[in-house]
PDB file of N, CA and C in Angstrom:
ATOM      1  N   MET A   1     -56.982  -5.586 -22.733  1.00  0.00           N
ATOM      2  CA  MET A   1     -57.393  -6.835 -21.885  1.00  0.00           C
ATOM      3  C   MET A   1     -56.441  -8.010 -22.242  1.00  0.00           C
ATOM      4  N   ALA A   2     -55.953  -8.066 -23.498  1.00  0.00           N
ATOM      5  CA  ALA A   2     -55.123  -9.179 -23.853  1.00  0.00           C
ATOM      6  C   ALA A   2     -53.839  -9.245 -23.070  1.00  0.00           C
ATOM      7  N   PRO A   3     -53.137  -8.162 -22.830  1.00  0.00           N
ATOM      8  CA  PRO A   3     -51.941  -8.319 -21.978  1.00  0.00           C
ATOM      9  C   PRO A   3     -52.237  -8.805 -20.520  1.00  0.00           C
ATOM     10  N   ARG A   4     -53.390  -8.430 -19.997  1.00  0.00           N
ATOM     11  CA  ARG A   4     -53.690  -8.868 -18.669  1.00  0.00           C
ATOM     12  C   ARG A   4     -53.923 -10.421 -18.676  1.00  0.00           C
ATOM     13  N   HIS A   5     -54.491 -10.961 -19.734  1.00  0.00           N
ATOM     14  CA  HIS A   5     -54.625 -12.374 -19.755  1.00  0.00           C
ATOM     15  C   HIS A   5     -53.370 -13.127 -19.950  1.00  0.00           C
ATOM     16  N   SER A   6     -52.415 -12.524 -20.811  1.00  0.00           N
ATOM     17  CA  SER A   6     -51.131 -13.186 -21.043  1.00  0.00           C
ATOM     18  C   SER A   6     -50.257 -13.163 -19.798  1.00  0.00           C
ATOM     19  N   LEU A   7     -50.319 -12.170 -19.008  1.00  0.00           N
ATOM     20  CA  LEU A   7     -49.430 -12.060 -17.845  1.00  0.00           C
ATOM     21  C   LEU A   7     -49.689 -13.232 -16.819  1.00  0.00           C
ATOM     22  N   PRO A   8     -51.023 -13.498 -16.378  1.00  0.00           N
ATOM     23  CA  PRO A   8     -51.201 -14.663 -15.521  1.00  0.00           C
ATOM     24  C   PRO A   8     -50.741 -15.941 -16.110  1.00  0.00           C
ATOM     25  N   SER A   9     -50.955 -16.153 -17.407  1.00  0.00           N
ATOM     26  CA  SER A   9     -50.574 -17.390 -18.041  1.00  0.00           C
ATOM     27  C   SER A   9     -48.958 -17.564 -17.988  1.00  0.00           C
ATOM     28  N   ALA A  10     -48.313 -16.407 -18.188  1.00  0.00           N
ATOM     29  CA  ALA A  10     -46.826 -16.443 -18.227  1.00  0.00           C
ATOM     30  C   ALA A  10     -46.385 -16.727 -16.701  1.00  0.00           C
ATOM     31  N   SER A  11     -46.988 -16.101 -15.811  1.00  0.00           N
ATOM     32  CA  SER A  11     -46.589 -16.270 -14.352  1.00  0.00           C
ATOM     33  C   SER A  11     -46.916 -17.702 -13.995  1.00  0.00           C
ATOM     34  N   THR A  12     -48.064 -18.309 -14.313  1.00  0.00           N
ATOM     35  CA  THR A  12     -48.281 -19.629 -14.007  1.00  0.00           C
ATOM     36  C   THR A  12     -47.351 -20.566 -14.665  1.00  0.00           C
ATOM     37  N   GLY A  13     -46.936 -20.213 -15.899  1.00  0.00           N
ATOM     38  CA  GLY A  13     -45.925 -21.053 -16.562  1.00  0.00           C
ATOM     39  C   GLY A  13     -44.630 -20.966 -15.870  1.00  0.00           C
ATOM     40  N   ALA A  14     -44.191 -19.707 -15.433  1.00  0.00           N
ATOM     41  CA  ALA A  14     -43.015 -19.621 -14.566  1.00  0.00           C
ATOM     42  C   ALA A  14     -43.057 -20.386 -13.400  1.00  0.00           C
ATOM     43  N   VAL A  15     -44.183 -20.331 -12.649  1.00  0.00           N
ATOM     44  CA  VAL A  15     -44.374 -21.076 -11.449  1.00  0.00           C
ATOM     45  C   VAL A  15     -44.328 -22.559 -11.657  1.00  0.00           C
ATOM     46  N   ALA A  16     -44.910 -23.015 -12.733  1.00  0.00           N
ATOM     47  CA  ALA A  16     -44.878 -24.444 -13.096  1.00  0.00           C
ATOM     48  C   ALA A  16     -43.447 -24.836 -13.352  1.00  0.00           C
ATOM     49  N   ALA A  17     -42.637 -24.071 -14.069  1.00  0.00           N
ATOM     50  CA  ALA A  17     -41.265 -24.348 -14.405  1.00  0.00           C
ATOM     51  C   ALA A  17     -40.457 -24.448 -13.153  1.00  0.00           C
ATOM     52  N   VAL A  18     -40.731 -23.481 -12.180  1.00  0.00           N
ATOM     53  CA  VAL A  18     -39.961 -23.475 -10.926  1.00  0.00           C
ATOM     54  C   VAL A  18     -40.342 -24.685 -10.151  1.00  0.00           C
ATOM     55  N   LEU A  19     -41.689 -25.084 -10.135  1.00  0.00           N
ATOM     56  CA  LEU A  19     -41.958 -26.318  -9.381  1.00  0.00           C
ATOM     57  C   LEU A  19     -41.356 -27.526  -9.961  1.00  0.00           C
ATOM     58  N   VAL A  20     -41.377 -27.609 -11.281  1.00  0.00           N
ATOM     59  CA  VAL A  20     -40.799 -28.807 -12.043  1.00  0.00           C
ATOM     60  C   VAL A  20     -39.345 -28.830 -11.681  1.00  0.00           C
ATOM     61  N   GLY A  21     -38.655 -27.689 -11.784  1.00  0.00           N
ATOM     62  CA  GLY A  21     -37.243 -27.597 -11.490  1.00  0.00           C
ATOM     63  C   GLY A  21     -36.860 -27.994 -10.020  1.00  0.00           C
ATOM     64  N   GLY A  22     -37.745 -27.571  -9.154  1.00  0.00           N
ATOM     65  CA  GLY A  22     -37.574 -28.021  -7.730  1.00  0.00           C
ATOM     66  C   GLY A  22     -37.834 -29.485  -7.558  1.00  0.00           C
ATOM     67  N   VAL A  23     -38.731 -29.989  -8.147  1.00  0.00           N
ATOM     68  CA  VAL A  23     -38.950 -31.456  -8.094  1.00  0.00           C
ATOM     69  C   VAL A  23     -37.814 -32.299  -8.631  1.00  0.00           C
ATOM     70  N   VAL A  24     -37.257 -31.736  -9.817  1.00  0.00           N
ATOM     71  CA  VAL A  24     -36.151 -32.482 -10.432  1.00  0.00           C
ATOM     72  C   VAL A  24     -34.872 -32.367  -9.520  1.00  0.00           C
ATOM     73  N   LEU A  25     -34.642 -31.202  -8.959  1.00  0.00           N
ATOM     74  CA  LEU A  25     -33.541 -31.013  -8.141  1.00  0.00           C
ATOM     75  C   LEU A  25     -33.601 -31.821  -6.832  1.00  0.00           C
ATOM     76  N   THR A  26     -34.821 -31.917  -6.365  1.00  0.00           N
ATOM     77  CA  THR A  26     -35.063 -32.741  -5.151  1.00  0.00           C
ATOM     78  C   THR A  26     -34.872 -34.219  -5.376  1.00  0.00           C
ATOM     79  N   ALA A  27     -35.305 -34.675  -6.577  1.00  0.00           N
ATOM     80  CA  ALA A  27     -35.044 -36.096  -6.941  1.00  0.00           C
ATOM     81  C   ALA A  27     -33.582 -36.349  -7.116  1.00  0.00           C
ATOM     82  N   LEU A  28     -32.816 -35.425  -7.715  1.00  0.00           N
ATOM     83  CA  LEU A  28     -31.415 -35.566  -7.919  1.00  0.00           C
ATOM     84  C   LEU A  28     -30.702 -35.660  -6.542  1.00  0.00           C
ATOM     85  N   LEU A  29     -31.068 -34.733  -5.620  1.00  0.00           N
ATOM     86  CA  LEU A  29     -30.407 -34.706  -4.343  1.00  0.00           C
ATOM     87  C   LEU A  29     -30.721 -35.961  -3.604  1.00  0.00           C
ATOM     88  N   THR A  30     -31.980 -36.471  -3.737  1.00  0.00           N
ATOM     89  CA  THR A  30     -32.389 -37.692  -3.023  1.00  0.00           C
ATOM     90  C   THR A  30     -31.579 -38.847  -3.616  1.00  0.00           C
ATOM     91  N   ALA A  31     -31.466 -38.948  -4.958  1.00  0.00           N
ATOM     92  CA  ALA A  31     -30.647 -39.995  -5.601  1.00  0.00           C
ATOM     93  C   ALA A  31     -29.191 -39.994  -5.095  1.00  0.00           C
ATOM     94  N   VAL A  32     -28.610 -38.704  -4.953  1.00  0.00           N
ATOM     95  CA  VAL A  32     -27.166 -38.566  -4.524  1.00  0.00           C
ATOM     96  C   VAL A  32     -27.170 -39.080  -3.042  1.00  0.00           C
ATOM     97  N   ALA A  33     -28.056 -38.723  -2.269  1.00  0.00           N
ATOM     98  CA  ALA A  33     -28.099 -39.064  -0.748  1.00  0.00           C
ATOM     99  C   ALA A  33     -28.168 -40.578  -0.696  1.00  0.00           C
ATOM    100  N   VAL A  34     -29.086 -41.260  -1.539  1.00  0.00           N
ATOM    101  CA  VAL A  34     -29.198 -42.690  -1.484  1.00  0.00           C
ATOM    102  C   VAL A  34     -27.909 -43.366  -1.926  1.00  0.00           C
ATOM    103  N   THR A  35     -27.315 -42.806  -2.924  1.00  0.00           N
ATOM    104  CA  THR A  35     -26.029 -43.411  -3.441  1.00  0.00           C
ATOM    105  C   THR A  35     -24.907 -43.323  -2.312  1.00  0.00           C
ATOM    106  N   ALA A  36     -24.840 -42.108  -1.690  1.00  0.00           N
ATOM    107  CA  ALA A  36     -23.828 -41.939  -0.683  1.00  0.00           C
ATOM    108  C   ALA A  36     -24.101 -42.957   0.447  1.00  0.00           C
ATOM    109  N   VAL A  37     -25.343 -43.177   0.867  1.00  0.00           N
ATOM    110  CA  VAL A  37     -25.645 -44.089   1.955  1.00  0.00           C
ATOM    111  C   VAL A  37     -25.241 -45.488   1.638  1.00  0.00           C
ATOM    112  N   SER A  38     -25.582 -45.879   0.327  1.00  0.00           N
ATOM    113  CA  SER A  38     -25.278 -47.195  -0.112  1.00  0.00           C
ATOM    114  C   SER A  38     -23.780 -47.489  -0.171  1.00  0.00           C
ATOM    115  N   VAL A  39     -23.032 -46.485  -0.615  1.00  0.00           N
ATOM    116  CA  VAL A  39     -21.550 -46.522  -0.687  1.00  0.00           C
ATOM    117  C   VAL A  39     -21.005 -46.717   0.782  1.00  0.00           C
ATOM    118  N   ALA A  40     -21.569 -45.871   1.677  1.00  0.00           N
ATOM    119  CA  ALA A  40     -21.091 -46.028   3.085  1.00  0.00           C
ATOM    120  C   ALA A  40     -21.371 -47.311   3.681  1.00  0.00           C
ATOM    121  N   VAL A  41     -22.445 -47.906   3.387  1.00  0.00           N
ATOM    122  CA  VAL A  41     -22.851 -49.197   3.935  1.00  0.00           C
ATOM    123  C   VAL A  41     -21.933 -50.239   3.295  1.00  0.00           C
ATOM    124  N   ALA A  42     -21.674 -50.128   2.043  1.00  0.00           N
ATOM    125  CA  ALA A  42     -20.782 -51.129   1.328  1.00  0.00           C
ATOM    126  C   ALA A  42     -19.401 -51.016   1.849  1.00  0.00           C
ATOM    127  N   ALA A  43     -18.916 -49.828   2.168  1.00  0.00           N
ATOM    128  CA  ALA A  43     -17.582 -49.629   2.754  1.00  0.00           C
ATOM    129  C   ALA A  43     -17.505 -50.211   4.117  1.00  0.00           C
ATOM    130  N   VAL A  44     -18.514 -50.087   4.974  1.00  0.00           N
ATOM    131  CA  VAL A  44     -18.583 -50.676   6.312  1.00  0.00           C
ATOM    132  C   VAL A  44     -18.591 -52.160   6.169  1.00  0.00           C
ATOM    133  N   VAL A  45     -19.430 -52.710   5.248  1.00  0.00           N
ATOM    134  CA  VAL A  45     -19.417 -54.267   5.070  1.00  0.00           C
ATOM    135  C   VAL A  45     -18.089 -54.743   4.674  1.00  0.00           C
ATOM    136  N   LEU A  46     -17.487 -54.077   3.711  1.00  0.00           N
ATOM    137  CA  LEU A  46     -16.058 -54.524   3.247  1.00  0.00           C
ATOM    138  C   LEU A  46     -15.080 -54.467   4.321  1.00  0.00           C
ATOM    139  N   ARG A  47     -15.164 -53.389   5.161  1.00  0.00           N
ATOM    140  CA  ARG A  47     -14.207 -53.255   6.282  1.00  0.00           C
ATOM    141  C   ARG A  47     -14.422 -54.396   7.254  1.00  0.00           C
ATOM    142  N   SER A  48     -15.594 -54.780   7.532  1.00  0.00           N
ATOM    143  CA  SER A  48     -15.818 -55.789   8.520  1.00  0.00           C
ATOM    144  C   SER A  48     -15.404 -57.222   7.985  1.00  0.00           C
ATOM    145  N   LEU A  49     -15.659 -57.375   6.594  1.00  0.00           N
ATOM    146  CA  LEU A  49     -15.197 -58.628   5.957  1.00  0.00           C
ATOM    147  C   LEU A  49     -13.607 -58.689   5.987  1.00  0.00           C
ATOM    148  N   LEU A  50     -12.975 -57.536   5.735  1.00  0.00           N
ATOM    149  CA  LEU A  50     -11.547 -57.559   5.741  1.00  0.00           C
ATOM    150  C   LEU A  50     -11.017 -57.738   7.149  1.00  0.00           C
ATOM    151  N   ALA A  51     -11.608 -57.096   8.147  1.00  0.00           N
ATOM    152  CA  ALA A  51     -11.265 -57.322   9.589  1.00  0.00           C
ATOM    153  C   ALA A  51     -11.455 -58.827   9.885  1.00  0.00           C
ATOM    154  N   ASN A  52     -12.510 -59.411   9.542  1.00  0.00           N
ATOM    155  CA  ASN A  52     -12.734 -60.853   9.869  1.00  0.00           C
ATOM    156  C   ASN A  52     -11.648 -61.687   9.313  1.00  0.00           C
ATOM    157  N   GLN A  53     -11.281 -61.364   8.035  1.00  0.00           N
ATOM    158  CA  GLN A  53     -10.219 -62.224   7.354  1.00  0.00           C
ATOM    159  C   GLN A  53      -8.844 -62.001   8.038  1.00  0.00           C
ATOM    160  N   ARG A  54      -8.554 -60.782   8.413  1.00  0.00           N
ATOM    161  CA  ARG A  54      -7.303 -60.472   9.192  1.00  0.00           C
ATOM    162  C   ARG A  54      -7.145 -61.237  10.389  1.00  0.00           C
ATOM    163  N   HIS A  55      -8.280 -61.201  11.213  1.00  0.00           N
ATOM    164  CA  HIS A  55      -8.335 -61.884  12.541  1.00  0.00           C
ATOM    165  C   HIS A  55      -8.152 -63.446  12.302  1.00  0.00           C
ATOM    166  N   ARG A  56      -8.674 -63.997  11.228  1.00  0.00           N
ATOM    167  CA  ARG A  56      -8.614 -65.425  11.067  1.00  0.00           C
ATOM    168  C   ARG A  56      -7.283 -65.708  10.488  1.00  0.00           C
TER     169      ARG A  56
END
């Protein structure tokens, strides 16, 4: 009976590890996406500022 009790605990631990890993990966991907969007916005703003200076 002991192995039967240890197997569900191990599987739940593995499931918990997979869930935590998925959450961490999702958070990292979200951070990378936010950084990319902010860099793109900054590039567009800098382009517009440089274009305005060139026209003036």
